[in-house]
Protein backbone atom coordinates (compact mmCIF):
# COMPACT_ATOMS: atom_id res chain seq x y z
CA UNK A 1 81.41 131.77 148.04
CA UNK A 2 81.71 132.24 144.17
CA UNK A 3 80.24 134.71 141.90
CA UNK A 4 77.88 132.02 140.75
CA UNK A 5 76.40 131.76 144.29
CA UNK A 6 76.21 134.99 145.19
CA UNK A 7 74.22 135.74 141.74
CA UNK A 8 71.55 132.53 143.17
CA UNK A 9 71.36 134.53 146.65
CA UNK A 10 70.29 138.08 145.21
CA UNK A 11 68.43 136.29 142.63
CA UNK A 12 66.29 135.02 145.43
CA UNK A 13 66.51 136.95 148.67
CA UNK A 14 63.15 138.54 150.65
CA UNK A 15 64.11 141.98 150.56
CA UNK A 16 62.74 142.29 153.72
CA UNK A 17 65.23 140.25 154.72
CA UNK A 18 68.02 142.78 157.19
CA UNK A 19 70.44 139.45 158.05
CA UNK A 20 70.60 138.42 154.07
CA UNK A 21 71.27 142.04 153.15
CA UNK A 22 74.40 142.40 155.38
CA UNK A 23 75.74 138.97 154.16
CA UNK A 24 75.38 140.15 150.43
CA UNK A 25 76.42 142.75 150.30
CA UNK A 26 79.29 141.99 152.69
CA UNK A 27 79.93 138.90 149.74
CA UNK A 28 79.64 141.23 146.87
CA UNK A 29 82.03 143.90 148.26
CA UNK A 30 84.47 141.06 149.07
CA UNK A 31 84.12 139.23 145.44
CA UNK A 32 83.71 142.53 143.21
CA UNK A 33 86.33 144.84 144.76
CA UNK A 34 83.84 147.42 145.90
CA UNK A 35 84.62 149.56 148.58
CA UNK A 36 82.46 151.73 150.85
CA UNK A 37 83.31 154.78 148.84
CA UNK A 38 82.25 153.76 145.76
CA UNK A 39 79.34 151.95 147.03
CA UNK A 40 78.32 155.72 148.83
CA UNK A 41 78.58 157.77 146.23
CA UNK A 42 76.64 155.39 143.90
CA UNK A 43 73.65 155.01 145.95
CA UNK A 44 73.79 158.76 147.62
CA UNK A 45 74.66 157.66 150.79
CA UNK A 46 77.38 158.22 153.29
CA UNK A 47 80.22 156.21 154.10
CA UNK A 48 79.55 155.63 157.03
CA UNK A 49 75.91 154.50 155.98
CA UNK A 50 77.63 151.90 154.05
CA UNK A 51 80.09 150.90 157.24
CA UNK A 52 76.59 150.38 159.22
CA UNK A 53 75.36 147.83 156.36
CA UNK A 54 78.16 146.19 156.65
CA UNK A 55 77.71 145.62 160.36
CA UNK A 56 74.41 145.15 160.35
CA UNK A 57 73.61 148.14 162.53
CA UNK A 58 71.17 149.59 159.80
CA UNK A 59 69.39 148.27 156.70
CA UNK A 60 68.38 151.37 153.24
CA UNK A 61 64.24 150.47 152.66
CA UNK A 62 63.19 147.31 151.35
CA UNK A 63 62.30 149.34 148.23
CA UNK A 64 66.16 150.70 148.00
CA UNK A 65 68.06 147.62 148.52
CA UNK A 66 66.34 145.97 145.22
CA UNK A 67 68.59 149.02 143.46
CA UNK A 68 71.93 147.73 146.13
CA UNK A 69 71.05 144.05 144.88
CA UNK A 70 70.78 145.46 140.68
CA UNK A 71 73.68 147.37 141.29
CA UNK A 72 75.25 143.98 142.57
CA UNK A 73 73.69 142.07 139.55
CA UNK A 74 75.05 144.03 137.36
CA UNK A 75 78.90 144.15 138.01
CA UNK A 76 78.92 140.41 138.05
CA UNK A 77 77.06 139.77 135.30
CA UNK A 78 80.28 142.11 133.99
CA UNK A 79 82.62 140.27 135.71
CA UNK A 80 81.16 137.01 133.68
CA UNK A 81 81.99 138.76 130.41
CA UNK A 82 85.60 138.93 131.47
């Protein structure tokens, strides 16, 4: 997956879709070079919570997902400017 494709997926995602959330988290971490510790600090949760998101065992409330998605979009925009 490329950054443009990831950006489009995030822009059109159903915030209640747990499978899409897991895929976007994993793709974003990979393409943007983010790690669990960074995301845990950024979102005020534990590293184990991020790991559960990555493995599809858990996902935050849909309202929180919007914040997660916006963070990824911000990172994508920064990458595009490089």
